[in-house]
Protein backbone atom coordinates (compact mmCIF):
# COMPACT_ATOMS: atom_id res chain seq x y z
CA UNK A 1 -31.08 23.58 -28.89
CA UNK A 2 -28.43 23.10 -26.20
CA UNK A 3 -29.36 24.12 -22.63
CA UNK A 4 -26.52 25.45 -20.44
CA UNK A 5 -25.83 24.94 -16.81
CA UNK A 6 -22.94 25.77 -14.55
CA UNK A 7 -22.68 22.20 -13.37
CA UNK A 8 -24.01 18.87 -14.60
CA UNK A 9 -23.98 15.92 -12.19
CA UNK A 10 -24.31 12.52 -13.87
CA UNK A 11 -25.66 10.10 -11.30
CA UNK A 12 -28.41 10.52 -8.76
CA UNK A 13 -27.14 8.41 -5.91
CA UNK A 14 -25.71 9.62 -2.57
CA UNK A 15 -22.61 11.23 -4.12
CA UNK A 16 -24.44 12.96 -7.00
CA UNK A 17 -27.26 14.26 -4.81
CA UNK A 18 -24.87 15.48 -2.13
CA UNK A 19 -22.83 17.43 -4.68
CA UNK A 20 -26.07 18.89 -6.13
CA UNK A 21 -27.32 19.89 -2.72
CA UNK A 22 -24.17 21.87 -2.02
CA UNK A 23 -24.24 23.47 -5.44
CA UNK A 24 -27.95 24.32 -5.22
CA UNK A 25 -27.41 26.00 -1.90
CA UNK A 26 -24.55 27.93 -3.46
CA UNK A 27 -27.05 29.21 -6.09
CA UNK A 28 -25.39 27.39 -8.94
CA UNK A 29 -27.59 26.40 -11.90
CA UNK A 30 -27.23 22.65 -11.57
CA UNK A 31 -28.63 19.63 -13.51
CA UNK A 32 -28.67 16.05 -12.13
CA UNK A 33 -29.03 13.29 -14.75
CA UNK A 34 -30.26 10.12 -13.01
CA UNK A 35 -30.48 6.74 -14.86
CA UNK A 36 -32.15 5.25 -11.72
CA UNK A 37 -29.71 2.34 -11.17
CA UNK A 38 -28.43 2.69 -7.62
CA UNK A 39 -25.87 0.00 -6.60
CA UNK A 40 -27.67 -0.76 -3.33
CA UNK A 41 -31.10 -1.25 -4.85
CA UNK A 42 -31.21 -5.02 -3.94
CA UNK A 43 -30.93 -4.10 -0.21
CA UNK A 44 -33.98 -3.49 1.80
CA UNK A 45 -32.09 -1.22 4.23
CA UNK A 46 -28.84 0.60 4.36
CA UNK A 47 -26.77 0.62 7.55
CA UNK A 48 -23.96 2.60 9.12
CA UNK A 49 -25.10 6.04 7.99
CA UNK A 50 -25.38 8.11 11.24
CA UNK A 51 -28.99 9.24 11.74
CA UNK A 52 -30.13 7.19 8.68
CA UNK A 53 -29.17 3.67 9.94
CA UNK A 54 -31.82 1.18 8.74
CA UNK A 55 -33.42 3.51 6.21
CA UNK A 56 -34.52 2.01 2.90
CA UNK A 57 -32.25 3.09 0.08
CA UNK A 58 -35.26 4.11 -2.06
CA UNK A 59 -36.51 6.39 0.75
CA UNK A 60 -33.06 7.90 1.25
CA UNK A 61 -32.86 8.87 -2.43
CA UNK A 62 -36.43 10.21 -2.45
CA UNK A 63 -35.57 12.52 0.47
CA UNK A 64 -32.40 13.63 -1.28
CA UNK A 65 -34.34 14.48 -4.44
CA UNK A 66 -36.84 16.53 -2.43
CA UNK A 67 -33.97 18.40 -0.78
CA UNK A 68 -32.19 19.40 -3.99
CA UNK A 69 -35.50 20.51 -5.50
CA UNK A 70 -35.84 23.12 -2.69
CA UNK A 71 -32.81 24.94 -4.06
CA UNK A 72 -33.81 24.94 -7.71
CA UNK A 73 -31.62 21.99 -8.84
CA UNK A 74 -33.16 20.31 -11.90
CA UNK A 75 -33.29 16.46 -11.98
CA UNK A 76 -33.93 14.54 -15.20
CA UNK A 77 -34.61 10.81 -15.41
CA UNK A 78 -32.35 9.96 -18.31
CA UNK A 79 -28.92 8.46 -19.14
CA UNK A 80 -25.82 10.27 -20.28
CA UNK A 81 -24.64 8.34 -23.30
CA UNK A 82 -21.86 10.60 -24.50
CA UNK A 83 -19.73 13.55 -23.39
CA UNK A 84 -17.07 15.63 -24.96
CA UNK A 85 -15.12 18.79 -24.20
CA UNK A 86 -16.46 21.79 -26.09
CA UNK A 87 -16.36 25.16 -24.26
CA UNK A 88 -16.84 23.22 -21.04
CA UNK A 89 -18.59 19.87 -21.34
CA UNK A 90 -21.25 18.84 -23.77
CA UNK A 91 -23.34 15.89 -22.61
CA UNK A 92 -25.71 13.90 -24.76
CA UNK A 93 -28.66 12.16 -23.12
CA UNK A 94 -30.39 8.97 -24.32
CA UNK A 95 -33.66 10.84 -24.65
CA UNK A 96 -32.09 13.08 -27.30
CA UNK A 97 -31.40 16.15 -25.14
CA UNK A 98 -27.96 17.87 -25.30
CA UNK A 99 -26.80 19.86 -22.31
CA UNK A 100 -23.67 21.92 -21.61
CA UNK A 101 -21.88 22.87 -18.40
CA UNK A 102 -18.66 24.44 -17.23
CA UNK A 103 -18.07 21.61 -14.77
CA UNK A 104 -19.06 18.00 -14.90
CA UNK A 105 -19.37 15.62 -11.90
CA UNK A 106 -19.40 11.88 -12.77
CA UNK A 107 -21.11 10.01 -9.96
CA UNK A 108 -22.22 6.96 -11.98
CA UNK A 109 -21.00 4.39 -9.49
CA UNK A 110 -20.30 0.80 -10.40
CA UNK A 111 -22.08 -2.46 -11.24
CA UNK A 112 -21.69 -5.62 -9.20
CA UNK A 113 -21.07 -8.69 -11.40
CA UNK A 114 -22.11 -11.73 -9.31
CA UNK A 115 -20.67 -15.26 -9.53
CA UNK A 116 -22.58 -17.40 -11.94
CA UNK A 117 -23.96 -19.73 -9.29
CA UNK A 118 -27.66 -20.63 -9.28
CA UNK A 119 -29.47 -18.72 -6.49
CA UNK A 120 -26.83 -16.11 -5.91
CA UNK A 121 -28.40 -13.32 -7.98
CA UNK A 122 -31.91 -14.10 -6.75
CA UNK A 123 -30.87 -13.94 -3.04
CA UNK A 124 -28.43 -11.03 -3.35
CA UNK A 125 -29.14 -8.33 -0.82
CA UNK A 126 -31.22 -10.67 1.28
CA UNK A 127 -29.16 -13.57 2.67
CA UNK A 128 -26.48 -13.52 -0.05
CA UNK A 129 -24.35 -10.55 0.93
CA UNK A 130 -21.02 -8.89 0.14
CA UNK A 131 -20.27 -6.35 2.88
CA UNK A 132 -20.17 -7.29 6.56
CA UNK A 133 -20.25 -3.64 7.59
CA UNK A 134 -23.46 -3.21 5.64
CA UNK A 135 -25.20 -6.46 6.67
CA UNK A 136 -23.18 -8.28 9.29
CA UNK A 137 -25.19 -7.16 12.28
CA UNK A 138 -28.45 -8.32 10.73
CA UNK A 139 -27.16 -11.88 10.24
CA UNK A 140 -24.92 -12.01 13.29
CA UNK A 141 -24.31 -15.44 14.92
CA UNK A 142 -25.84 -17.29 11.99
CA UNK A 143 -24.08 -20.04 10.03
CA UNK A 144 -22.01 -18.19 7.39
CA UNK A 145 -20.61 -19.44 4.07
CA UNK A 146 -18.12 -17.53 1.96
CA UNK A 147 -18.03 -18.29 -1.74
CA UNK A 148 -14.43 -17.98 -2.89
CA UNK A 149 -13.93 -16.60 -6.42
CA UNK A 150 -10.31 -15.50 -5.87
CA UNK A 151 -7.59 -15.93 -3.21
CA UNK A 152 -8.78 -12.50 -1.80
CA UNK A 153 -11.92 -14.37 -0.56
CA UNK A 154 -9.75 -15.69 2.36
CA UNK A 155 -9.65 -12.05 3.62
CA UNK A 156 -13.46 -11.80 3.34
CA UNK A 157 -13.81 -15.06 5.36
CA UNK A 158 -11.60 -13.75 8.04
CA UNK A 159 -13.48 -10.38 8.25
CA UNK A 160 -16.89 -11.99 8.71
CA UNK A 161 -15.71 -13.94 11.80
CA UNK A 162 -16.31 -10.74 13.68
CA UNK A 163 -20.05 -11.37 13.24
CA UNK A 164 -20.16 -15.17 13.48
CA UNK A 165 -17.85 -17.89 14.75
CA UNK A 166 -19.51 -20.44 12.42
CA UNK A 167 -17.89 -19.71 9.10
CA UNK A 168 -17.09 -22.01 6.15
CA UNK A 169 -14.98 -21.00 3.20
CA UNK A 170 -16.18 -22.78 0.02
CA UNK A 171 -13.20 -22.69 -2.30
CA UNK A 172 -15.44 -22.96 -5.47
CA UNK A 173 -13.06 -21.78 -8.24
CA UNK A 174 -9.99 -21.38 -6.00
CA UNK A 175 -7.44 -24.11 -5.34
CA UNK A 176 -6.23 -24.44 -1.78
CA UNK A 177 -2.71 -24.13 -3.10
CA UNK A 178 -3.54 -20.50 -4.13
CA UNK A 179 -3.95 -19.52 -0.51
CA UNK A 180 -0.87 -18.31 1.22
CA UNK A 181 0.63 -19.87 4.32
CA UNK A 182 -0.49 -16.76 6.23
CA UNK A 183 -3.98 -17.16 4.97
CA UNK A 184 -4.12 -20.74 6.09
CA UNK A 185 -2.68 -19.93 9.42
CA UNK A 186 -5.16 -17.14 10.09
CA UNK A 187 -8.13 -19.19 8.89
CA UNK A 188 -7.22 -22.03 11.18
CA UNK A 189 -6.70 -19.65 14.11
CA UNK A 190 -10.06 -18.02 13.41
CA UNK A 191 -11.78 -21.40 13.21
CA UNK A 192 -12.84 -21.06 9.62
CA UNK A 193 -13.55 -24.42 7.92
CA UNK A 194 -12.25 -24.82 4.41
CA UNK A 195 -14.32 -26.90 1.95
CA UNK A 196 -12.81 -27.62 -1.50
CA UNK A 197 -14.91 -28.28 -4.60
CA UNK A 198 -17.08 -26.29 -6.95
CA UNK A 199 -20.40 -24.88 -5.68
CA UNK A 200 -23.34 -26.00 -7.83
CA UNK A 201 -25.92 -23.81 -6.29
CA UNK A 202 -27.78 -22.60 -3.18
CA UNK A 203 -30.44 -24.51 -1.29
CA UNK A 204 -33.53 -22.41 -0.49
CA UNK A 205 -36.40 -23.57 1.69
CA UNK A 206 -39.50 -21.48 2.48
CA UNK A 207 -37.86 -18.48 0.79
CA UNK A 208 -34.87 -18.64 3.07
CA UNK A 209 -31.28 -19.73 2.43
CA UNK A 210 -30.81 -23.22 3.89
CA UNK A 211 -27.54 -24.43 2.49
CA UNK A 212 -24.79 -24.62 -0.11
CA UNK A 213 -24.76 -27.51 -2.53
CA UNK A 214 -21.47 -28.69 -4.05
CA UNK A 215 -21.08 -30.19 -7.47
CA UNK A 216 -20.70 -33.65 -5.90
CA UNK A 217 -24.14 -33.32 -4.36
CA UNK A 218 -23.00 -32.64 -0.81
CA UNK A 219 -25.07 -30.02 0.98
CA UNK A 220 -23.65 -27.84 3.78
CA UNK A 221 -26.28 -26.13 5.98
CA UNK A 222 -25.78 -22.34 5.87
CA UNK A 223 -28.00 -19.45 6.75
CA UNK A 224 -26.08 -16.56 5.01
CA UNK A 225 -23.51 -16.58 2.25
CA UNK A 226 -20.99 -13.82 1.56
CA UNK A 227 -19.71 -13.29 -1.91
CA UNK A 228 -17.22 -10.85 -3.60
CA UNK A 229 -18.85 -9.51 -6.73
CA UNK A 230 -16.64 -8.38 -9.53
CA UNK A 231 -16.75 -4.62 -9.55
CA UNK A 232 -17.44 -3.08 -13.00
CA UNK A 233 -16.95 0.68 -12.79
CA UNK A 234 -19.24 2.81 -14.90
CA UNK A 235 -16.29 4.90 -16.23
CA UNK A 236 -17.23 5.21 -19.88
CA UNK A 237 -17.74 9.05 -19.68
CA UNK A 238 -14.50 9.47 -17.85
CA UNK A 239 -12.67 7.52 -20.52
CA UNK A 240 -14.23 9.43 -23.35
CA UNK A 241 -13.24 12.72 -21.81
CA UNK A 242 -9.61 11.56 -21.36
CA UNK A 243 -9.33 11.28 -17.57
CA UNK A 244 -6.30 9.28 -16.46
CA UNK A 245 -7.39 5.95 -14.90
CA UNK A 246 -5.53 3.71 -12.52
CA UNK A 247 -5.91 -0.04 -12.47
CA UNK A 248 -6.81 -1.70 -9.17
CA UNK A 249 -7.77 -5.26 -8.24
CA UNK A 250 -11.31 -3.95 -8.28
CA UNK A 251 -11.36 -2.23 -11.67
CA UNK A 252 -10.08 1.01 -13.20
CA UNK A 253 -10.84 4.27 -11.41
CA UNK A 254 -9.86 7.89 -12.17
CA UNK A 255 -6.85 9.56 -10.68
CA UNK A 256 -8.28 12.33 -8.60
CA UNK A 257 -7.00 14.96 -6.16
CA UNK A 258 -8.18 15.27 -2.57
CA UNK A 259 -11.24 17.23 -3.73
CA UNK A 260 -12.29 14.77 -6.35
CA UNK A 261 -11.11 16.51 -9.53
CA UNK A 262 -9.66 14.25 -12.17
CA UNK A 263 -6.70 14.96 -14.44
CA UNK A 264 -9.11 16.84 -16.78
CA UNK A 265 -9.77 20.29 -15.45
CA UNK A 266 -13.44 20.75 -14.54
CA UNK A 267 -14.10 17.03 -14.55
CA UNK A 268 -14.92 15.52 -11.18
CA UNK A 269 -15.56 12.01 -9.85
CA UNK A 270 -17.36 11.07 -6.63
CA UNK A 271 -18.76 7.99 -4.87
CA UNK A 272 -18.12 4.57 -6.38
CA UNK A 273 -17.13 6.28 -9.66
CA UNK A 274 -13.97 7.24 -7.82
CA UNK A 275 -13.29 4.06 -5.89
CA UNK A 276 -14.62 0.60 -5.07
CA UNK A 277 -14.94 0.90 -1.29
CA UNK A 278 -17.06 4.05 -0.92
CA UNK A 279 -19.97 3.32 1.38
CA UNK A 280 -23.11 5.51 1.21
CA UNK A 281 -21.89 7.86 3.87
CA UNK A 282 -18.44 8.17 2.26
CA UNK A 283 -20.03 8.73 -1.14
CA UNK A 284 -22.16 11.57 0.31
CA UNK A 285 -19.03 13.09 1.82
CA UNK A 286 -17.14 12.87 -1.47
CA UNK A 287 -20.05 14.53 -3.26
CA UNK A 288 -20.16 17.32 -0.67
CA UNK A 289 -16.45 17.94 -1.01
CA UNK A 290 -16.61 18.09 -4.77
CA UNK A 291 -19.61 20.44 -4.74
CA UNK A 292 -17.93 22.90 -2.43
CA UNK A 293 -14.69 22.79 -4.51
CA UNK A 294 -16.57 23.37 -7.74
CA UNK A 295 -18.34 26.43 -6.31
CA UNK A 296 -14.97 27.91 -5.31
CA UNK A 297 -13.52 27.16 -8.77
CA UNK A 298 -16.38 28.91 -10.46
CA UNK A 299 -16.31 31.90 -8.15
CA UNK A 300 -12.58 32.66 -8.55
CA UNK A 301 -12.65 31.96 -12.29
CA UNK A 302 -15.39 34.50 -12.78
CA UNK A 303 -13.65 37.09 -10.56
CA UNK A 304 -10.39 36.68 -12.51
CA UNK A 305 -12.22 36.99 -15.78
CA UNK A 306 -13.92 40.17 -14.59
CA UNK A 307 -10.62 41.57 -13.55
CA UNK A 308 -9.05 40.71 -16.87
CA UNK A 309 -6.55 38.29 -15.28
């Protein structure tokens, strides 16, 4: 038996919950499918969200789930494993349930694929970090390392100099010849030290990052390390439904309009499902915008149908 909703939101993070909140308040029968894999789960706190700065990500999501429940939004802990277009959208869940909706919001985010360096995954979200806007203040003025996995890591090294003047760029898998003359000039001007050679692992003492060990055995004392994970968008549902994707240096993301609708009518993307750089506050904004737009689409479609247009 297939249950029907007006809107299904796949993804229970900031974007999905925000869209669901707007839709619930608009009295739309809405289902949120949450696999429980938020991108910021490794972090103890989230920063930069006005009025929520420093809140634990798990607490933020728990509050959001309580809020949508007030407006009758249903939330199911499950994973959407398939979707197809059939009188709207038919979504199959891992638990065996099949649900249908007139509009579908994909807010499945992305997965961070970390460099295969011993210690990086274990320390990620603590003293191995990726976003200075998310974590820079908390490690300000410490000795930073930046683990280069592509020439773009030079940009990351320059950005983190706003939070520390003691920055070392470990080239790791990048040859110095791959850096542009402009990169080298800016790094020198900013006082960033460049260390060639592959990184063999991190040095941890008393459950704190103490240094970076190179393959030749040399250890450089560091207190925080910034990395650039490879972004792996969770775009399987969007692909199956035929949404047009655009390739970027950070993965393939859907082509969307200013409201978040993809090239498939009734199919929406929000949060990190729509782009790599969406922070929590931006994701919530994207979800809100999509929710409001969907309500308008449903309203006028029903009015036109009633009028025989």
